[in-house]
Amino acid sequence: MSPSFEDPLLVRAELPEDAPAIRRINEAAFGRTAEAGIVDVLRTKGAVILSMVAVSSPAGCGEAEGLPVAHALFSPVTIGTGNTAAAAVGMGPVAVLPEWQGQGVGTMLVETSLEILRMARLSAVVVLGHARLYARFGFLPAKEWGLTLGMDVPQGAFMVLELQAGALAGTAGEVRYRPEFSEG
């Protein structure tokens, strides 16, 4: 039987005991270990701004006791020549267990995470991903803001979402993710 929203879902911050489940989620969703390794290294080096999980709570389980089925991580980025953009973060990896994909779990996780970042007064989020997927959350091509990425990526795959109106005004240049992204 396939899981569904009949099992209650809760989006919450990652707990220390979630680390093994988060690793499994990233490995299963991406079919490799690279993204899971990046998450582990970022966590170890204290380079995580926000780490959220969607948790399934089968009947008889308390919500916080359920099993993580999806994960989203946010880490700091720099823009330009080493100057930190006002509280800008990179989103990724975002992963959903394959058996939970296509049911809105990832959407719920991303929307909740973005709202938390807005309330924390962070300025912007960048993401490298499928343009049509992230456009529905309000992400726009980063080139519209004069932002570049120091690597070749498919047209439109590098995107940005301004969390606070005007936060990116006058900000342009190369976006750099944490060095841990090359250590995973």
C-alpha atoms as a PDB file:
ATOM      1  CA  MET A   1       0.000   0.000   0.000  1.00  0.00           C
ATOM      2  CA  SER A   2       1.365   3.390  -1.018  1.00  0.00           C
ATOM      3  CA  PRO A   3       1.596   6.157   1.625  1.00  0.00           C
ATOM      4  CA  SER A   4      -0.784   9.081   1.344  1.00  0.00           C
ATOM      5  CA  PHE A   5      -2.052  12.145   3.129  1.00  0.00           C
ATOM      6  CA  GLU A   6      -4.342   9.814   5.054  1.00  0.00           C
ATOM      7  CA  ASP A   7      -1.250   9.512   7.250  1.00  0.00           C
ATOM      8  CA  PRO A   8      -1.035  12.907   8.989  1.00  0.00           C
ATOM      9  CA  LEU A   9       1.958  15.010   7.951  1.00  0.00           C
ATOM     10  CA  LEU A  10       3.846  17.543  10.010  1.00  0.00           C
ATOM     11  CA  VAL A  11       6.563  19.913   8.818  1.00  0.00           C
ATOM     12  CA  ARG A  12       9.092  20.673  11.537  1.00  0.00           C
ATOM     13  CA  ALA A  13      12.726  21.543  12.102  1.00  0.00           C
ATOM     14  CA  GLU A  14      15.241  18.727  11.878  1.00  0.00           C
ATOM     15  CA  LEU A  15      16.049  17.032  15.197  1.00  0.00           C
ATOM     16  CA  PRO A  16      19.481  15.468  15.877  1.00  0.00           C
ATOM     17  CA  GLU A  17      17.965  11.980  15.779  1.00  0.00           C
ATOM     18  CA  ASP A  18      16.628  12.666  12.237  1.00  0.00           C
ATOM     19  CA  ALA A  19      20.132  12.607  10.687  1.00  0.00           C
ATOM     20  CA  PRO A  20      20.105   8.914   9.603  1.00  0.00           C
ATOM     21  CA  ALA A  21      16.604   9.246   8.106  1.00  0.00           C
ATOM     22  CA  ILE A  22      17.586  12.447   6.278  1.00  0.00           C
ATOM     23  CA  ARG A  23      20.586  10.656   4.805  1.00  0.00           C
ATOM     24  CA  ARG A  24      18.313   7.823   3.576  1.00  0.00           C
ATOM     25  CA  ILE A  25      15.824  10.322   2.102  1.00  0.00           C
ATOM     26  CA  ASN A  26      18.537  12.096   0.077  1.00  0.00           C
ATOM     27  CA  GLU A  27      20.130   8.835  -1.091  1.00  0.00           C
ATOM     28  CA  ALA A  28      16.767   7.400  -2.170  1.00  0.00           C
ATOM     29  CA  ALA A  29      15.533  10.588  -3.853  1.00  0.00           C
ATOM     30  CA  PHE A  30      18.727  11.242  -5.815  1.00  0.00           C
ATOM     31  CA  GLY A  31      19.828   7.622  -6.317  1.00  0.00           C
ATOM     32  CA  ARG A  32      23.358   8.431  -5.126  1.00  0.00           C
ATOM     33  CA  THR A  33      25.206   9.555  -1.990  1.00  0.00           C
ATOM     34  CA  ALA A  34      26.534  12.986  -3.069  1.00  0.00           C
ATOM     35  CA  GLU A  35      23.635  15.099  -1.769  1.00  0.00           C
ATOM     36  CA  ALA A  36      23.454  13.138   1.482  1.00  0.00           C
ATOM     37  CA  GLY A  37      27.178  13.735   1.944  1.00  0.00           C
ATOM     38  CA  ILE A  38      26.751  17.474   1.380  1.00  0.00           C
ATOM     39  CA  VAL A  39      24.029  17.610   4.043  1.00  0.00           C
ATOM     40  CA  ASP A  40      26.237  15.722   6.510  1.00  0.00           C
ATOM     41  CA  VAL A  41      29.252  17.990   5.900  1.00  0.00           C
ATOM     42  CA  LEU A  42      27.199  21.213   6.124  1.00  0.00           C
ATOM     43  CA  ARG A  43      25.638  20.016   9.383  1.00  0.00           C
ATOM     44  CA  THR A  44      29.034  19.013  10.841  1.00  0.00           C
ATOM     45  CA  LYS A  45      30.579  22.390   9.965  1.00  0.00           C
ATOM     46  CA  GLY A  46      27.674  24.386  11.401  1.00  0.00           C
ATOM     47  CA  ALA A  47      26.784  25.779   7.978  1.00  0.00           C
ATOM     48  CA  VAL A  48      23.025  25.172   8.098  1.00  0.00           C
ATOM     49  CA  ILE A  49      20.618  28.105   8.287  1.00  0.00           C
ATOM     50  CA  LEU A  50      17.467  25.946   8.268  1.00  0.00           C
ATOM     51  CA  SER A  51      16.858  22.209   7.949  1.00  0.00           C
ATOM     52  CA  MET A  52      13.238  21.066   7.760  1.00  0.00           C
ATOM     53  CA  VAL A  53      11.579  17.673   7.493  1.00  0.00           C
ATOM     54  CA  ALA A  54       8.103  16.495   6.579  1.00  0.00           C
ATOM     55  CA  VAL A  55       7.152  13.741   9.007  1.00  0.00           C
ATOM     56  CA  SER A  56       4.555  11.025   8.476  1.00  0.00           C
ATOM     57  CA  SER A  57       2.690  10.117  11.649  1.00  0.00           C
ATOM     58  CA  PRO A  58       0.910   6.785  11.219  1.00  0.00           C
ATOM     59  CA  ALA A  59      -2.003   6.053  13.548  1.00  0.00           C
ATOM     60  CA  GLY A  60      -0.864   5.458  17.110  1.00  0.00           C
ATOM     61  CA  CYS A  61       2.289   7.569  16.701  1.00  0.00           C
ATOM     62  CA  GLY A  62       2.718  11.064  18.092  1.00  0.00           C
ATOM     63  CA  GLU A  63       3.386  13.633  15.361  1.00  0.00           C
ATOM     64  CA  ALA A  64       6.981  14.257  16.471  1.00  0.00           C
ATOM     65  CA  GLU A  65       7.592  10.498  16.671  1.00  0.00           C
ATOM     66  CA  GLY A  66       6.741   9.827  13.035  1.00  0.00           C
ATOM     67  CA  LEU A  67       9.151   9.067  10.247  1.00  0.00           C
ATOM     68  CA  PRO A  68      10.749  11.811   8.127  1.00  0.00           C
ATOM     69  CA  VAL A  69       9.700  11.375   4.486  1.00  0.00           C
ATOM     70  CA  ALA A  70      11.110  14.597   2.994  1.00  0.00           C
ATOM     71  CA  HIS A  71      13.893  17.065   3.735  1.00  0.00           C
ATOM     72  CA  ALA A  72      14.881  20.623   2.734  1.00  0.00           C
ATOM     73  CA  LEU A  73      18.163  22.296   3.648  1.00  0.00           C
ATOM     74  CA  PHE A  74      19.149  25.982   3.495  1.00  0.00           C
ATOM     75  CA  SER A  75      22.735  27.246   3.818  1.00  0.00           C
ATOM     76  CA  PRO A  76      24.400  30.667   3.469  1.00  0.00           C
ATOM     77  CA  VAL A  77      25.580  31.975   0.102  1.00  0.00           C
ATOM     78  CA  THR A  78      27.745  34.935  -0.882  1.00  0.00           C
ATOM     79  CA  ILE A  79      27.096  37.264  -3.780  1.00  0.00           C
ATOM     80  CA  GLY A  80      29.689  39.337  -5.613  1.00  0.00           C
ATOM     81  CA  THR A  81      33.315  39.572  -4.606  1.00  0.00           C
ATOM     82  CA  GLY A  82      33.144  37.988  -1.178  1.00  0.00           C
ATOM     83  CA  ASN A  83      30.586  40.344   0.347  1.00  0.00           C
ATOM     84  CA  THR A  84      27.730  38.506   2.006  1.00  0.00           C
ATOM     85  CA  ALA A  85      24.374  39.446   0.564  1.00  0.00           C
ATOM     86  CA  ALA A  86      21.970  40.526   3.292  1.00  0.00           C
ATOM     87  CA  ALA A  87      21.075  37.142   4.746  1.00  0.00           C
ATOM     88  CA  ALA A  88      20.785  35.338   1.401  1.00  0.00           C
ATOM     89  CA  VAL A  89      20.595  31.543   1.501  1.00  0.00           C
ATOM     90  CA  GLY A  90      20.808  28.662  -0.916  1.00  0.00           C
ATOM     91  CA  MET A  91      18.053  26.056  -0.958  1.00  0.00           C
ATOM     92  CA  GLY A  92      19.158  22.508  -1.490  1.00  0.00           C
ATOM     93  CA  PRO A  93      19.176  19.745  -1.468  1.00  0.00           C
ATOM     94  CA  VAL A  94      15.423  19.206  -1.311  1.00  0.00           C
ATOM     95  CA  ALA A  95      14.451  15.539  -1.314  1.00  0.00           C
ATOM     96  CA  VAL A  96      11.299  13.426  -0.965  1.00  0.00           C
ATOM     97  CA  LEU A  97      11.266   9.651  -0.570  1.00  0.00           C
ATOM     98  CA  PRO A  98      10.268   8.178  -3.953  1.00  0.00           C
ATOM     99  CA  GLU A  99       7.101   6.560  -2.577  1.00  0.00           C
ATOM    100  CA  TRP A 100       5.942   9.970  -1.281  1.00  0.00           C
ATOM    101  CA  GLN A 101       6.692  11.941  -4.464  1.00  0.00           C
ATOM    102  CA  GLY A 102       3.834  13.432  -6.461  1.00  0.00           C
ATOM    103  CA  GLN A 103       1.575  13.862  -3.415  1.00  0.00           C
ATOM    104  CA  GLY A 104       2.349  17.484  -2.521  1.00  0.00           C
ATOM    105  CA  VAL A 105       4.757  16.661   0.304  1.00  0.00           C
ATOM    106  CA  GLY A 106       7.647  18.571  -1.264  1.00  0.00           C
ATOM    107  CA  THR A 107       5.409  21.541  -2.006  1.00  0.00           C
ATOM    108  CA  MET A 108       4.215  21.665   1.599  1.00  0.00           C
ATOM    109  CA  LEU A 109       7.807  21.391   2.851  1.00  0.00           C
ATOM    110  CA  VAL A 110       9.148  24.161   0.579  1.00  0.00           C
ATOM    111  CA  GLU A 111       6.226  26.533   1.238  1.00  0.00           C
ATOM    112  CA  THR A 112       6.554  26.126   5.012  1.00  0.00           C
ATOM    113  CA  SER A 113      10.327  26.590   4.871  1.00  0.00           C
ATOM    114  CA  LEU A 114      10.078  29.740   2.740  1.00  0.00           C
ATOM    115  CA  GLU A 115       7.544  31.224   5.156  1.00  0.00           C
ATOM    116  CA  ILE A 116       9.888  30.577   8.105  1.00  0.00           C
ATOM    117  CA  LEU A 117      12.732  32.276   6.216  1.00  0.00           C
ATOM    118  CA  ARG A 118      10.465  35.280   5.446  1.00  0.00           C
ATOM    119  CA  MET A 119       9.486  35.582   9.113  1.00  0.00           C
ATOM    120  CA  ALA A 120      13.193  35.421  10.045  1.00  0.00           C
ATOM    121  CA  ARG A 121      13.659  38.457   7.736  1.00  0.00           C
ATOM    122  CA  LEU A 122      16.120  36.739   5.411  1.00  0.00           C
ATOM    123  CA  SER A 123      16.483  38.592   2.124  1.00  0.00           C
ATOM    124  CA  ALA A 124      16.546  36.006  -0.664  1.00  0.00           C
ATOM    125  CA  VAL A 125      16.834  32.338  -1.582  1.00  0.00           C
ATOM    126  CA  VAL A 126      18.731  30.953  -4.560  1.00  0.00           C
ATOM    127  CA  VAL A 127      18.202  27.485  -5.981  1.00  0.00           C
ATOM    128  CA  LEU A 128      19.657  25.343  -8.709  1.00  0.00           C
ATOM    129  CA  GLY A 129      16.870  23.125  -9.994  1.00  0.00           C
ATOM    130  CA  HIS A 130      14.065  22.579 -12.459  1.00  0.00           C
ATOM    131  CA  ALA A 131      12.743  25.968 -13.571  1.00  0.00           C
ATOM    132  CA  ARG A 132       9.103  24.911 -13.864  1.00  0.00           C
ATOM    133  CA  LEU A 133       9.145  23.317 -10.428  1.00  0.00           C
ATOM    134  CA  TYR A 134      10.512  26.334  -8.564  1.00  0.00           C
ATOM    135  CA  ALA A 135       8.706  29.003 -10.627  1.00  0.00           C
ATOM    136  CA  ARG A 136       5.466  27.997  -8.900  1.00  0.00           C
ATOM    137  CA  PHE A 137       6.949  29.214  -5.591  1.00  0.00           C
ATOM    138  CA  GLY A 138       7.793  32.594  -7.147  1.00  0.00           C
ATOM    139  CA  PHE A 139      11.413  31.924  -8.123  1.00  0.00           C
ATOM    140  CA  LEU A 140      12.653  33.825 -11.174  1.00  0.00           C
ATOM    141  CA  PRO A 141      15.737  33.286 -13.332  1.00  0.00           C
ATOM    142  CA  ALA A 142      18.716  34.671 -11.381  1.00  0.00           C
ATOM    143  CA  LYS A 143      20.016  36.431 -14.489  1.00  0.00           C
ATOM    144  CA  GLU A 144      17.043  38.853 -14.189  1.00  0.00           C
ATOM    145  CA  TRP A 145      18.742  40.133 -11.010  1.00  0.00           C
ATOM    146  CA  GLY A 146      22.233  40.147 -12.523  1.00  0.00           C
ATOM    147  CA  LEU A 147      23.190  37.055 -10.540  1.00  0.00           C
ATOM    148  CA  THR A 148      25.444  34.409 -12.031  1.00  0.00           C
ATOM    149  CA  LEU A 149      26.768  31.031 -10.964  1.00  0.00           C
ATOM    150  CA  GLY A 150      30.397  30.108 -11.592  1.00  0.00           C
ATOM    151  CA  MET A 151      29.481  26.990 -13.555  1.00  0.00           C
ATOM    152  CA  ASP A 152      27.509  26.001 -16.633  1.00  0.00           C
ATOM    153  CA  VAL A 153      23.929  25.045 -15.825  1.00  0.00           C
ATOM    154  CA  PRO A 154      20.870  24.501 -18.029  1.00  0.00           C
ATOM    155  CA  GLN A 155      19.073  27.668 -19.148  1.00  0.00           C
ATOM    156  CA  GLY A 156      16.787  28.917 -16.365  1.00  0.00           C
ATOM    157  CA  ALA A 157      17.919  26.325 -13.788  1.00  0.00           C
ATOM    158  CA  PHE A 158      19.585  28.901 -11.530  1.00  0.00           C
ATOM    159  CA  MET A 159      16.805  30.892  -9.859  1.00  0.00           C
ATOM    160  CA  VAL A 160      16.225  33.388  -7.056  1.00  0.00           C
ATOM    161  CA  LEU A 161      13.302  34.375  -4.836  1.00  0.00           C
ATOM    162  CA  GLU A 162      13.325  37.733  -3.098  1.00  0.00           C
ATOM    163  CA  LEU A 163      11.842  37.136   0.378  1.00  0.00           C
ATOM    164  CA  GLN A 164      11.700  40.815   1.353  1.00  0.00           C
ATOM    165  CA  ALA A 165      10.629  43.374  -1.251  1.00  0.00           C
ATOM    166  CA  GLY A 166      13.643  45.286  -2.576  1.00  0.00           C
ATOM    167  CA  ALA A 167      16.162  43.098  -0.751  1.00  0.00           C
ATOM    168  CA  LEU A 168      18.160  42.436  -3.923  1.00  0.00           C
ATOM    169  CA  ALA A 169      18.101  46.002  -5.238  1.00  0.00           C
ATOM    170  CA  GLY A 170      21.619  46.882  -6.308  1.00  0.00           C
ATOM    171  CA  THR A 171      22.881  43.357  -5.660  1.00  0.00           C
ATOM    172  CA  ALA A 172      24.537  41.631  -8.598  1.00  0.00           C
ATOM    173  CA  GLY A 173      27.447  39.326  -9.286  1.00  0.00           C
ATOM    174  CA  GLU A 174      28.461  35.737  -8.842  1.00  0.00           C
ATOM    175  CA  VAL A 175      26.658  33.634  -6.235  1.00  0.00           C
ATOM    176  CA  ARG A 176      28.896  31.234  -4.347  1.00  0.00           C
ATOM    177  CA  TYR A 177      27.644  28.318  -2.341  1.00  0.00           C
ATOM    178  CA  ARG A 178      29.568  27.130   0.711  1.00  0.00           C
ATOM    179  CA  PRO A 179      32.790  25.204  -0.043  1.00  0.00           C
ATOM    180  CA  GLU A 180      31.198  22.156   1.601  1.00  0.00           C
ATOM    181  CA  PHE A 181      29.182  21.645  -1.585  1.00  0.00           C
ATOM    182  CA  SER A 182      32.373  20.367  -3.193  1.00  0.00           C
ATOM    183  CA  GLU A 183      33.274  18.206  -0.169  1.00  0.00           C
ATOM    184  CA  GLY A 184      30.150  15.988  -0.105  1.00  0.00           C
END
